Amino acid sequence: MNNMNSMMKQVKKMQEQMLKAQEELADKEIEGTSGGGVVSVKVNGHKKVLSVVIKPEAVDPDDVEMLQDLVIAAVNDALTQAEELANKDMGKFTGGMKIPGLF
């Protein structure tokens, strides 16, 4: 019975640490870029877009599709990095296991 209580305390502590780590992800900013930095996108660790910066040299009225592609590439770069950050931060608790719905 004592072992069960001890194990439950450890599980509760781990849950609290995981919750704190998930909350801290919201404060972390990741920047993705494309076109050599002419388009940059910042996201947080929860994969929410915080800002999009487009330098004037990226804007060509005759080639709007290029700008759209640059924005998509920068967003995807930032989101990929955010996913890697979340996996790294939360992987400390899960031992690398993918737990659906956790992050």
N, C-alpha and C. Protein backbone atom coordinates (compact mmCIF):
# COMPACT_ATOMS: atom_id res chain seq x y z
N MET A 1 0.82 -1.19 0.00
CA MET A 1 0.00 0.00 0.00
C MET A 1 0.87 1.26 0.00
N ASN A 2 1.98 1.19 0.73
CA ASN A 2 2.88 2.32 0.80
C ASN A 2 3.50 2.62 -0.57
N ASN A 3 3.82 1.54 -1.31
CA ASN A 3 4.37 1.71 -2.65
C ASN A 3 3.36 2.38 -3.58
N MET A 4 2.10 2.03 -3.43
CA MET A 4 1.05 2.61 -4.26
C MET A 4 0.93 4.10 -3.99
N ASN A 5 0.94 4.49 -2.72
CA ASN A 5 0.87 5.92 -2.37
C ASN A 5 2.07 6.67 -2.92
N SER A 6 3.22 6.08 -2.81
CA SER A 6 4.44 6.70 -3.33
C SER A 6 4.36 6.87 -4.84
N MET A 7 3.87 5.83 -5.51
CA MET A 7 3.75 5.90 -6.96
C MET A 7 2.73 6.96 -7.37
N MET A 8 1.63 7.06 -6.66
CA MET A 8 0.62 8.06 -6.98
C MET A 8 1.15 9.47 -6.78
N LYS A 9 1.98 9.68 -5.76
CA LYS A 9 2.60 10.98 -5.54
C LYS A 9 3.53 11.32 -6.69
N GLN A 10 4.29 10.32 -7.16
CA GLN A 10 5.19 10.55 -8.29
C GLN A 10 4.42 10.88 -9.56
N VAL A 11 3.32 10.19 -9.80
CA VAL A 11 2.49 10.45 -10.98
C VAL A 11 1.92 11.86 -10.89
N LYS A 12 1.43 12.24 -9.75
CA LYS A 12 0.86 13.59 -9.57
C LYS A 12 1.93 14.65 -9.81
N LYS A 13 3.12 14.43 -9.30
CA LYS A 13 4.21 15.39 -9.48
C LYS A 13 4.57 15.49 -10.97
N MET A 14 4.62 14.36 -11.65
CA MET A 14 4.94 14.37 -13.07
C MET A 14 3.86 15.10 -13.86
N GLN A 15 2.60 14.89 -13.51
CA GLN A 15 1.49 15.58 -14.17
C GLN A 15 1.62 17.09 -13.99
N GLU A 16 1.97 17.51 -12.79
CA GLU A 16 2.14 18.95 -12.52
C GLU A 16 3.29 19.52 -13.35
N GLN A 17 4.38 18.77 -13.44
CA GLN A 17 5.52 19.22 -14.23
C GLN A 17 5.17 19.29 -15.72
N MET A 18 4.42 18.33 -16.20
CA MET A 18 4.01 18.34 -17.61
C MET A 18 3.10 19.51 -17.90
N LEU A 19 2.17 19.80 -17.01
CA LEU A 19 1.25 20.92 -17.19
C LEU A 19 2.04 22.24 -17.22
N LYS A 20 3.00 22.36 -16.32
CA LYS A 20 3.83 23.57 -16.29
C LYS A 20 4.62 23.70 -17.59
N ALA A 21 5.18 22.61 -18.07
CA ALA A 21 5.95 22.64 -19.31
C ALA A 21 5.07 23.04 -20.49
N GLN A 22 3.83 22.53 -20.53
CA GLN A 22 2.90 22.91 -21.60
C GLN A 22 2.56 24.39 -21.53
N GLU A 23 2.36 24.91 -20.33
CA GLU A 23 2.06 26.33 -20.17
C GLU A 23 3.25 27.18 -20.61
N GLU A 24 4.46 26.73 -20.30
CA GLU A 24 5.65 27.48 -20.67
C GLU A 24 5.85 27.53 -22.19
N LEU A 25 5.34 26.54 -22.91
CA LEU A 25 5.45 26.56 -24.36
C LEU A 25 4.77 27.79 -24.96
N ALA A 26 3.73 28.27 -24.33
CA ALA A 26 3.02 29.46 -24.83
C ALA A 26 3.91 30.69 -24.81
N ASP A 27 4.89 30.71 -23.91
CA ASP A 27 5.78 31.87 -23.78
C ASP A 27 7.00 31.78 -24.69
N LYS A 28 7.22 30.64 -25.31
CA LYS A 28 8.38 30.48 -26.18
C LYS A 28 8.03 30.89 -27.60
N GLU A 29 8.92 31.68 -28.21
CA GLU A 29 8.69 32.14 -29.57
C GLU A 29 9.69 31.48 -30.52
N ILE A 30 9.19 31.08 -31.67
CA ILE A 30 10.00 30.43 -32.70
C ILE A 30 9.79 31.23 -33.97
N GLU A 31 10.89 31.46 -34.71
CA GLU A 31 10.78 32.22 -35.95
C GLU A 31 11.13 31.33 -37.13
N GLY A 32 10.26 31.32 -38.11
CA GLY A 32 10.51 30.63 -39.37
C GLY A 32 10.71 31.67 -40.45
N THR A 33 11.58 31.36 -41.40
CA THR A 33 11.85 32.32 -42.47
C THR A 33 11.82 31.62 -43.82
N SER A 34 11.73 32.44 -44.86
CA SER A 34 11.85 31.93 -46.22
C SER A 34 12.39 33.04 -47.10
N GLY A 35 12.82 32.66 -48.29
CA GLY A 35 13.34 33.64 -49.24
C GLY A 35 14.57 34.36 -48.72
N GLY A 36 15.39 33.65 -47.98
CA GLY A 36 16.58 34.29 -47.43
C GLY A 36 16.28 35.34 -46.38
N GLY A 37 15.13 35.22 -45.75
CA GLY A 37 14.77 36.13 -44.66
C GLY A 37 13.84 37.26 -45.07
N VAL A 38 13.39 37.28 -46.32
CA VAL A 38 12.49 38.36 -46.73
C VAL A 38 11.09 38.18 -46.15
N VAL A 39 10.75 36.96 -45.76
CA VAL A 39 9.49 36.70 -45.07
C VAL A 39 9.83 35.95 -43.79
N SER A 40 9.31 36.46 -42.67
CA SER A 40 9.52 35.76 -41.40
C SER A 40 8.21 35.69 -40.65
N VAL A 41 8.03 34.57 -39.96
CA VAL A 41 6.82 34.31 -39.20
C VAL A 41 7.23 33.85 -37.81
N LYS A 42 6.62 34.46 -36.79
CA LYS A 42 6.86 34.03 -35.42
C LYS A 42 5.63 33.30 -34.92
N VAL A 43 5.87 32.18 -34.26
CA VAL A 43 4.81 31.41 -33.62
C VAL A 43 5.24 31.13 -32.19
N ASN A 44 4.28 30.76 -31.35
CA ASN A 44 4.65 30.34 -30.01
C ASN A 44 4.68 28.81 -29.96
N GLY A 45 5.04 28.29 -28.81
CA GLY A 45 5.14 26.85 -28.65
C GLY A 45 3.82 26.12 -28.77
N HIS A 46 2.71 26.85 -28.76
CA HIS A 46 1.40 26.25 -28.97
C HIS A 46 0.97 26.34 -30.42
N LYS A 47 1.91 26.74 -31.29
CA LYS A 47 1.69 26.82 -32.74
C LYS A 47 0.67 27.88 -33.12
N LYS A 48 0.66 28.98 -32.39
CA LYS A 48 -0.18 30.12 -32.72
C LYS A 48 0.70 31.17 -33.39
N VAL A 49 0.26 31.66 -34.56
CA VAL A 49 1.02 32.67 -35.28
C VAL A 49 0.95 33.98 -34.49
N LEU A 50 2.13 34.55 -34.20
CA LEU A 50 2.21 35.80 -33.45
C LEU A 50 2.44 36.99 -34.36
N SER A 51 3.24 36.79 -35.41
CA SER A 51 3.50 37.89 -36.33
C SER A 51 3.98 37.37 -37.68
N VAL A 52 3.75 38.19 -38.69
CA VAL A 52 4.23 37.94 -40.04
C VAL A 52 4.91 39.22 -40.50
N VAL A 53 6.17 39.11 -40.93
CA VAL A 53 6.91 40.27 -41.42
C VAL A 53 7.32 39.99 -42.86
N ILE A 54 6.95 40.91 -43.74
CA ILE A 54 7.28 40.79 -45.16
C ILE A 54 8.08 42.02 -45.54
N LYS A 55 9.32 41.82 -45.95
CA LYS A 55 10.16 42.94 -46.37
C LYS A 55 9.69 43.43 -47.75
N PRO A 56 9.83 44.72 -48.00
CA PRO A 56 9.34 45.29 -49.26
C PRO A 56 9.88 44.60 -50.51
N GLU A 57 11.11 44.14 -50.46
CA GLU A 57 11.68 43.50 -51.65
C GLU A 57 11.00 42.17 -52.00
N ALA A 58 10.19 41.65 -51.08
CA ALA A 58 9.47 40.41 -51.36
C ALA A 58 8.17 40.67 -52.12
N VAL A 59 7.78 41.93 -52.18
CA VAL A 59 6.49 42.27 -52.80
C VAL A 59 6.70 42.65 -54.27
N ASP A 60 6.18 41.80 -55.14
CA ASP A 60 6.20 42.06 -56.58
C ASP A 60 4.75 41.92 -57.06
N PRO A 61 4.11 43.05 -57.39
CA PRO A 61 2.71 42.98 -57.79
C PRO A 61 2.45 42.06 -58.98
N ASP A 62 3.49 41.81 -59.76
CA ASP A 62 3.32 40.93 -60.92
C ASP A 62 3.52 39.46 -60.57
N ASP A 63 3.91 39.19 -59.33
CA ASP A 63 4.16 37.80 -58.93
C ASP A 63 3.65 37.55 -57.51
N VAL A 64 2.36 37.71 -57.32
CA VAL A 64 1.74 37.52 -56.01
C VAL A 64 1.89 36.08 -55.54
N GLU A 65 1.87 35.14 -56.46
CA GLU A 65 2.01 33.73 -56.09
C GLU A 65 3.34 33.47 -55.39
N MET A 66 4.40 34.13 -55.81
CA MET A 66 5.70 33.96 -55.16
C MET A 66 5.61 34.39 -53.70
N LEU A 67 4.98 35.52 -53.43
CA LEU A 67 4.83 35.99 -52.06
C LEU A 67 3.99 35.02 -51.24
N GLN A 68 2.93 34.52 -51.82
CA GLN A 68 2.10 33.54 -51.13
C GLN A 68 2.92 32.30 -50.78
N ASP A 69 3.73 31.84 -51.72
CA ASP A 69 4.57 30.67 -51.46
C ASP A 69 5.58 30.94 -50.36
N LEU A 70 6.15 32.15 -50.34
CA LEU A 70 7.12 32.51 -49.30
C LEU A 70 6.46 32.53 -47.92
N VAL A 71 5.24 33.06 -47.85
CA VAL A 71 4.52 33.09 -46.57
C VAL A 71 4.22 31.67 -46.10
N ILE A 72 3.75 30.84 -47.00
CA ILE A 72 3.46 29.45 -46.64
C ILE A 72 4.72 28.75 -46.16
N ALA A 73 5.83 28.95 -46.86
CA ALA A 73 7.08 28.30 -46.47
C ALA A 73 7.55 28.78 -45.10
N ALA A 74 7.44 30.07 -44.83
CA ALA A 74 7.86 30.60 -43.53
C ALA A 74 6.97 30.08 -42.40
N VAL A 75 5.66 30.03 -42.65
CA VAL A 75 4.73 29.50 -41.63
C VAL A 75 5.05 28.04 -41.35
N ASN A 76 5.23 27.26 -42.40
CA ASN A 76 5.53 25.84 -42.21
C ASN A 76 6.86 25.64 -41.49
N ASP A 77 7.85 26.47 -41.79
CA ASP A 77 9.13 26.39 -41.11
C ASP A 77 8.96 26.66 -39.62
N ALA A 78 8.22 27.72 -39.29
CA ALA A 78 8.00 28.05 -37.88
C ALA A 78 7.21 26.96 -37.16
N LEU A 79 6.17 26.44 -37.81
CA LEU A 79 5.36 25.40 -37.17
C LEU A 79 6.15 24.11 -36.96
N THR A 80 7.00 23.78 -37.91
CA THR A 80 7.85 22.59 -37.77
C THR A 80 8.78 22.75 -36.58
N GLN A 81 9.37 23.94 -36.46
CA GLN A 81 10.26 24.19 -35.32
C GLN A 81 9.49 24.17 -34.00
N ALA A 82 8.27 24.70 -33.99
CA ALA A 82 7.45 24.68 -32.78
C ALA A 82 7.12 23.25 -32.37
N GLU A 83 6.81 22.41 -33.36
CA GLU A 83 6.51 21.00 -33.09
C GLU A 83 7.74 20.29 -32.49
N GLU A 84 8.91 20.57 -33.07
CA GLU A 84 10.14 19.97 -32.55
C GLU A 84 10.42 20.44 -31.13
N LEU A 85 10.17 21.72 -30.85
CA LEU A 85 10.37 22.25 -29.50
C LEU A 85 9.43 21.57 -28.52
N ALA A 86 8.16 21.44 -28.89
CA ALA A 86 7.19 20.79 -28.01
C ALA A 86 7.57 19.34 -27.76
N ASN A 87 7.98 18.64 -28.82
CA ASN A 87 8.38 17.25 -28.66
C ASN A 87 9.59 17.13 -27.74
N LYS A 88 10.53 18.05 -27.88
CA LYS A 88 11.73 18.03 -27.04
C LYS A 88 11.36 18.31 -25.58
N ASP A 89 10.57 19.39 -25.36
CA ASP A 89 10.22 19.76 -24.00
C ASP A 89 9.35 18.71 -23.32
N MET A 90 8.36 18.19 -24.03
CA MET A 90 7.46 17.23 -23.42
C MET A 90 8.05 15.83 -23.42
N GLY A 91 8.99 15.56 -24.31
CA GLY A 91 9.64 14.25 -24.37
C GLY A 91 10.38 13.91 -23.09
N LYS A 92 10.74 14.93 -22.32
CA LYS A 92 11.41 14.70 -21.04
C LYS A 92 10.53 13.87 -20.11
N PHE A 93 9.22 14.06 -20.27
CA PHE A 93 8.28 13.40 -19.37
C PHE A 93 7.75 12.09 -19.93
N THR A 94 7.73 11.98 -21.24
CA THR A 94 7.12 10.80 -21.86
C THR A 94 8.15 9.79 -22.33
N GLY A 95 9.40 10.11 -22.19
CA GLY A 95 10.45 9.18 -22.63
C GLY A 95 10.40 8.95 -24.12
N GLY A 96 9.93 9.94 -24.87
CA GLY A 96 9.88 9.82 -26.32
C GLY A 96 8.61 9.18 -26.85
N MET A 97 7.75 8.69 -25.95
CA MET A 97 6.49 8.09 -26.38
C MET A 97 5.56 9.18 -26.89
N LYS A 98 4.85 8.91 -27.98
CA LYS A 98 3.85 9.83 -28.49
C LYS A 98 2.52 9.49 -27.82
N ILE A 99 2.04 10.43 -27.01
CA ILE A 99 0.78 10.23 -26.31
C ILE A 99 -0.26 11.13 -26.98
N PRO A 100 -1.24 10.55 -27.66
CA PRO A 100 -2.24 11.35 -28.38
C PRO A 100 -2.92 12.37 -27.48
N GLY A 101 -3.04 13.60 -28.00
CA GLY A 101 -3.74 14.64 -27.28
C GLY A 101 -2.90 15.34 -26.23
N LEU A 102 -1.69 14.87 -26.00
CA LEU A 102 -0.86 15.49 -24.97
C LEU A 102 -0.24 16.77 -25.47
N PHE A 103 0.31 16.74 -26.68
CA PHE A 103 0.92 17.94 -27.28
C PHE A 103 0.98 17.78 -28.74
